[in-house]
Amino acid sequence: MGQNNTFEKIYDVVRKIPKGKVATYGQVALYAGNPRWSRVVGYALHVNPYPGKLPCHRVVNRFGEVSSAFAFGGENMQIKLLEEEGISFRLDKTLDLKLYRWEPDE
């Protein structure tokens, strides 16, 4: 499977994450076809060819933390975008995955 096909599978999953919800890198990897692609998901989002159209800000790590390397302005921009969608953060800048994790069957 080529890199472009893999990345497109990842982007297709990320497009499905609704406003006000997040998915972890591992979830995106699993739904894209391989649970071992967590790092690939991070790389694919870093080289996102659809800026402003792909809601990559809705992908967080397994601890509910945003990326310090968020491609469009750092972690504070990712937090700002998620807060605009109604997601609240704790003082340690994490979010409650039990509350905000997206499940595709919702």
N, C-alpha and C. Protein backbone atom coordinates (compact mmCIF):
# COMPACT_ATOMS: atom_id res chain seq x y z
N MET A 1 0.86 -1.18 0.00
CA MET A 1 0.00 0.00 0.00
C MET A 1 0.90 1.23 0.00
N GLY A 2 0.62 2.15 -0.90
CA GLY A 2 1.43 3.35 -0.99
C GLY A 2 1.10 4.36 0.10
N GLN A 3 2.07 5.25 0.32
CA GLN A 3 1.91 6.27 1.35
C GLN A 3 0.69 7.13 1.09
N ASN A 4 0.47 7.53 -0.17
CA ASN A 4 -0.68 8.39 -0.47
C ASN A 4 -1.99 7.72 -0.12
N ASN A 5 -2.12 6.44 -0.42
CA ASN A 5 -3.34 5.70 -0.11
C ASN A 5 -3.54 5.61 1.40
N THR A 6 -2.45 5.35 2.13
CA THR A 6 -2.51 5.28 3.59
C THR A 6 -2.95 6.62 4.16
N PHE A 7 -2.32 7.69 3.70
CA PHE A 7 -2.66 9.02 4.19
C PHE A 7 -4.11 9.36 3.87
N GLU A 8 -4.59 9.01 2.70
CA GLU A 8 -5.99 9.30 2.34
C GLU A 8 -6.95 8.55 3.25
N LYS A 9 -6.62 7.32 3.61
CA LYS A 9 -7.45 6.57 4.57
C LYS A 9 -7.50 7.30 5.91
N ILE A 10 -6.36 7.81 6.33
CA ILE A 10 -6.28 8.57 7.59
C ILE A 10 -7.12 9.84 7.48
N TYR A 11 -6.98 10.57 6.38
CA TYR A 11 -7.73 11.81 6.20
C TYR A 11 -9.23 11.54 6.15
N ASP A 12 -9.63 10.43 5.55
CA ASP A 12 -11.06 10.08 5.50
C ASP A 12 -11.62 9.88 6.91
N VAL A 13 -10.85 9.24 7.79
CA VAL A 13 -11.30 9.05 9.17
C VAL A 13 -11.39 10.39 9.89
N VAL A 14 -10.37 11.21 9.76
CA VAL A 14 -10.33 12.50 10.46
C VAL A 14 -11.50 13.39 10.02
N ARG A 15 -11.86 13.33 8.75
CA ARG A 15 -13.00 14.13 8.24
C ARG A 15 -14.31 13.76 8.94
N LYS A 16 -14.40 12.55 9.46
CA LYS A 16 -15.64 12.07 10.08
C LYS A 16 -15.79 12.49 11.55
N ILE A 17 -14.72 12.98 12.17
CA ILE A 17 -14.79 13.37 13.59
C ILE A 17 -15.66 14.63 13.68
N PRO A 18 -16.79 14.54 14.37
CA PRO A 18 -17.69 15.70 14.42
C PRO A 18 -17.20 16.81 15.34
N LYS A 19 -17.75 17.99 15.13
CA LYS A 19 -17.45 19.13 16.02
C LYS A 19 -17.79 18.75 17.45
N GLY A 20 -16.94 19.19 18.38
CA GLY A 20 -17.19 18.91 19.78
C GLY A 20 -16.72 17.55 20.25
N LYS A 21 -16.06 16.80 19.36
CA LYS A 21 -15.53 15.48 19.69
C LYS A 21 -14.08 15.41 19.26
N VAL A 22 -13.34 14.47 19.83
CA VAL A 22 -11.96 14.23 19.45
C VAL A 22 -11.74 12.73 19.26
N ALA A 23 -10.67 12.39 18.59
CA ALA A 23 -10.23 11.01 18.47
C ALA A 23 -8.74 10.99 18.79
N THR A 24 -8.27 9.86 19.27
CA THR A 24 -6.84 9.73 19.54
C THR A 24 -6.14 9.27 18.26
N TYR A 25 -4.82 9.44 18.25
CA TYR A 25 -4.04 8.97 17.11
C TYR A 25 -4.27 7.48 16.89
N GLY A 26 -4.34 6.73 18.00
CA GLY A 26 -4.57 5.29 17.92
C GLY A 26 -5.93 4.94 17.33
N GLN A 27 -6.95 5.70 17.71
CA GLN A 27 -8.28 5.47 17.15
C GLN A 27 -8.27 5.69 15.65
N VAL A 28 -7.69 6.81 15.23
CA VAL A 28 -7.63 7.13 13.80
C VAL A 28 -6.89 6.01 13.07
N ALA A 29 -5.78 5.56 13.64
CA ALA A 29 -5.02 4.47 13.02
C ALA A 29 -5.88 3.21 12.87
N LEU A 30 -6.58 2.86 13.94
CA LEU A 30 -7.43 1.67 13.92
C LEU A 30 -8.51 1.78 12.84
N TYR A 31 -9.22 2.90 12.81
CA TYR A 31 -10.31 3.07 11.85
C TYR A 31 -9.81 3.23 10.42
N ALA A 32 -8.53 3.62 10.27
CA ALA A 32 -7.94 3.74 8.94
C ALA A 32 -7.42 2.40 8.43
N GLY A 33 -7.39 1.41 9.32
CA GLY A 33 -7.04 0.08 8.84
C GLY A 33 -5.88 -0.62 9.52
N ASN A 34 -5.13 0.07 10.40
CA ASN A 34 -4.01 -0.58 11.06
C ASN A 34 -3.76 0.09 12.41
N PRO A 35 -4.02 -0.62 13.51
CA PRO A 35 -3.86 -0.02 14.84
C PRO A 35 -2.42 0.36 15.16
N ARG A 36 -1.47 -0.05 14.34
CA ARG A 36 -0.06 0.27 14.59
C ARG A 36 0.38 1.54 13.87
N TRP A 37 -0.53 2.26 13.26
CA TRP A 37 -0.20 3.45 12.48
C TRP A 37 -0.26 4.75 13.29
N SER A 38 -0.26 4.71 14.60
CA SER A 38 -0.39 5.95 15.39
C SER A 38 0.61 7.01 14.97
N ARG A 39 1.86 6.64 14.82
CA ARG A 39 2.89 7.60 14.41
C ARG A 39 2.67 8.06 12.97
N VAL A 40 2.19 7.16 12.14
CA VAL A 40 1.90 7.51 10.75
C VAL A 40 0.79 8.55 10.71
N VAL A 41 -0.20 8.40 11.58
CA VAL A 41 -1.28 9.38 11.68
C VAL A 41 -0.70 10.75 12.00
N GLY A 42 0.19 10.82 12.98
CA GLY A 42 0.82 12.09 13.33
C GLY A 42 1.55 12.71 12.16
N TYR A 43 2.28 11.89 11.44
CA TYR A 43 3.03 12.41 10.29
C TYR A 43 2.06 12.88 9.20
N ALA A 44 1.04 12.08 8.93
CA ALA A 44 0.06 12.45 7.89
C ALA A 44 -0.60 13.78 8.22
N LEU A 45 -0.94 13.99 9.48
CA LEU A 45 -1.57 15.25 9.87
C LEU A 45 -0.58 16.41 9.79
N HIS A 46 0.67 16.13 10.05
CA HIS A 46 1.69 17.18 9.97
C HIS A 46 1.87 17.68 8.53
N VAL A 47 1.68 16.79 7.56
CA VAL A 47 1.83 17.18 6.15
C VAL A 47 0.47 17.35 5.47
N ASN A 48 -0.56 17.60 6.24
CA ASN A 48 -1.93 17.78 5.77
C ASN A 48 -1.99 18.65 4.50
N PRO A 49 -2.45 18.07 3.38
CA PRO A 49 -2.56 18.86 2.15
C PRO A 49 -3.89 19.62 2.05
N TYR A 50 -4.72 19.53 3.08
CA TYR A 50 -6.04 20.17 3.07
C TYR A 50 -6.19 21.16 4.22
N PRO A 51 -5.27 22.11 4.37
CA PRO A 51 -5.39 23.04 5.50
C PRO A 51 -6.71 23.80 5.47
N GLY A 52 -7.32 23.88 6.64
CA GLY A 52 -8.60 24.57 6.75
C GLY A 52 -9.80 23.70 6.39
N LYS A 53 -9.55 22.55 5.78
CA LYS A 53 -10.65 21.65 5.39
C LYS A 53 -10.64 20.35 6.18
N LEU A 54 -9.48 19.97 6.67
CA LEU A 54 -9.35 18.73 7.43
C LEU A 54 -9.26 19.09 8.92
N PRO A 55 -10.18 18.61 9.74
CA PRO A 55 -10.19 19.00 11.16
C PRO A 55 -9.15 18.26 12.00
N CYS A 56 -7.89 18.41 11.61
CA CYS A 56 -6.82 17.68 12.32
C CYS A 56 -6.66 18.15 13.76
N HIS A 57 -7.23 19.31 14.09
CA HIS A 57 -7.18 19.77 15.48
C HIS A 57 -7.99 18.88 16.41
N ARG A 58 -8.82 18.00 15.86
CA ARG A 58 -9.66 17.11 16.66
C ARG A 58 -8.95 15.80 17.03
N VAL A 59 -7.67 15.69 16.71
CA VAL A 59 -6.90 14.48 17.04
C VAL A 59 -5.95 14.81 18.19
N VAL A 60 -6.04 14.02 19.25
CA VAL A 60 -5.24 14.22 20.46
C VAL A 60 -4.55 12.91 20.83
N ASN A 61 -3.65 12.96 21.80
CA ASN A 61 -2.99 11.72 22.20
C ASN A 61 -3.87 10.92 23.18
N ARG A 62 -3.40 9.77 23.55
CA ARG A 62 -4.21 8.85 24.38
C ARG A 62 -4.45 9.36 25.78
N PHE A 63 -3.76 10.44 26.17
CA PHE A 63 -3.96 11.04 27.49
C PHE A 63 -4.87 12.26 27.42
N GLY A 64 -5.39 12.57 26.23
CA GLY A 64 -6.24 13.75 26.08
C GLY A 64 -5.44 15.03 25.97
N GLU A 65 -4.20 14.90 25.55
CA GLU A 65 -3.33 16.07 25.40
C GLU A 65 -3.28 16.49 23.93
N VAL A 66 -3.19 17.79 23.71
CA VAL A 66 -3.02 18.30 22.35
C VAL A 66 -1.55 18.20 21.97
N SER A 67 -1.28 18.40 20.70
CA SER A 67 0.08 18.32 20.20
C SER A 67 0.83 19.64 20.41
N SER A 68 2.03 19.55 20.96
CA SER A 68 2.83 20.76 21.11
C SER A 68 3.34 21.23 19.75
N ALA A 69 3.27 20.35 18.76
CA ALA A 69 3.73 20.68 17.41
C ALA A 69 2.56 20.89 16.46
N PHE A 70 1.39 21.24 16.99
CA PHE A 70 0.22 21.43 16.13
C PHE A 70 0.61 22.31 14.95
N ALA A 71 0.34 21.82 13.76
CA ALA A 71 0.85 22.41 12.53
C ALA A 71 0.46 23.86 12.29
N PHE A 72 -0.63 24.31 12.87
CA PHE A 72 -1.11 25.66 12.54
C PHE A 72 -1.13 26.59 13.74
N GLY A 73 0.00 26.70 14.42
CA GLY A 73 0.08 27.66 15.49
C GLY A 73 0.36 27.10 16.87
N GLY A 74 0.75 25.85 16.97
CA GLY A 74 1.11 25.28 18.25
C GLY A 74 -0.08 24.82 19.08
N GLU A 75 0.24 24.31 20.27
CA GLU A 75 -0.80 23.71 21.12
C GLU A 75 -1.89 24.69 21.52
N ASN A 76 -1.52 25.96 21.72
CA ASN A 76 -2.54 26.92 22.13
C ASN A 76 -3.59 27.13 21.04
N MET A 77 -3.19 27.08 19.77
CA MET A 77 -4.15 27.20 18.68
C MET A 77 -5.06 25.98 18.63
N GLN A 78 -4.51 24.80 18.86
CA GLN A 78 -5.34 23.59 18.88
C GLN A 78 -6.35 23.67 20.02
N ILE A 79 -5.91 24.11 21.18
CA ILE A 79 -6.83 24.27 22.32
C ILE A 79 -7.91 25.28 21.97
N LYS A 80 -7.53 26.40 21.39
CA LYS A 80 -8.50 27.45 21.02
C LYS A 80 -9.56 26.90 20.06
N LEU A 81 -9.11 26.16 19.03
CA LEU A 81 -10.06 25.60 18.06
C LEU A 81 -11.02 24.61 18.72
N LEU A 82 -10.51 23.79 19.62
CA LEU A 82 -11.37 22.82 20.30
C LEU A 82 -12.32 23.51 21.28
N GLU A 83 -11.84 24.53 21.98
CA GLU A 83 -12.72 25.27 22.89
C GLU A 83 -13.85 25.95 22.12
N GLU A 84 -13.55 26.43 20.92
CA GLU A 84 -14.59 27.06 20.09
C GLU A 84 -15.67 26.05 19.70
N GLU A 85 -15.35 24.76 19.77
CA GLU A 85 -16.32 23.71 19.47
C GLU A 85 -17.00 23.18 20.73
N GLY A 86 -16.72 23.80 21.88
CA GLY A 86 -17.38 23.43 23.11
C GLY A 86 -16.63 22.48 24.01
N ILE A 87 -15.38 22.19 23.69
CA ILE A 87 -14.58 21.28 24.50
C ILE A 87 -13.87 22.06 25.59
N SER A 88 -13.97 21.57 26.83
CA SER A 88 -13.32 22.21 27.97
C SER A 88 -12.05 21.48 28.32
N PHE A 89 -11.08 22.24 28.81
CA PHE A 89 -9.80 21.68 29.21
C PHE A 89 -9.59 21.83 30.71
N ARG A 90 -8.88 20.89 31.28
CA ARG A 90 -8.48 20.96 32.68
C ARG A 90 -7.32 21.96 32.80
N LEU A 91 -6.94 22.26 34.02
CA LEU A 91 -5.82 23.19 34.24
C LEU A 91 -4.52 22.69 33.63
N ASP A 92 -4.36 21.36 33.54
CA ASP A 92 -3.12 20.81 32.98
C ASP A 92 -3.18 20.70 31.45
N LYS A 93 -4.16 21.35 30.84
CA LYS A 93 -4.34 21.39 29.38
C LYS A 93 -4.70 20.04 28.77
N THR A 94 -5.33 19.16 29.56
CA THR A 94 -5.84 17.91 29.01
C THR A 94 -7.36 18.00 28.96
N LEU A 95 -7.95 17.15 28.14
CA LEU A 95 -9.41 17.08 28.07
C LEU A 95 -9.86 15.71 28.52
N ASP A 96 -11.11 15.59 28.88
CA ASP A 96 -11.69 14.35 29.39
C ASP A 96 -12.11 13.47 28.22
N LEU A 97 -11.33 12.44 27.95
CA LEU A 97 -11.65 11.55 26.83
C LEU A 97 -12.95 10.80 27.04
N LYS A 98 -13.32 10.51 28.29
CA LYS A 98 -14.59 9.84 28.53
C LYS A 98 -15.76 10.70 28.06
N LEU A 99 -15.58 11.99 28.13
CA LEU A 99 -16.63 12.93 27.75
C LEU A 99 -16.59 13.31 26.26
N TYR A 100 -15.40 13.47 25.72
CA TYR A 100 -15.28 14.04 24.37
C TYR A 100 -14.82 13.07 23.29
N ARG A 101 -14.47 11.83 23.66
CA ARG A 101 -13.99 10.89 22.63
C ARG A 101 -15.12 10.52 21.66
N TRP A 102 -14.82 10.61 20.41
CA TRP A 102 -15.74 10.25 19.34
C TRP A 102 -15.78 8.73 19.18
N GLU A 103 -16.96 8.22 19.07
CA GLU A 103 -17.16 6.81 18.74
C GLU A 103 -17.96 6.78 17.44
N PRO A 104 -17.46 6.15 16.41
CA PRO A 104 -18.11 6.20 15.08
C PRO A 104 -19.58 5.79 15.06
N ASP A 105 -20.01 4.97 16.01
CA ASP A 105 -21.41 4.53 15.99
C ASP A 105 -22.35 5.50 16.67
N GLU A 106 -21.84 6.68 17.06
CA GLU A 106 -22.71 7.67 17.72
C GLU A 106 -23.68 8.26 16.71
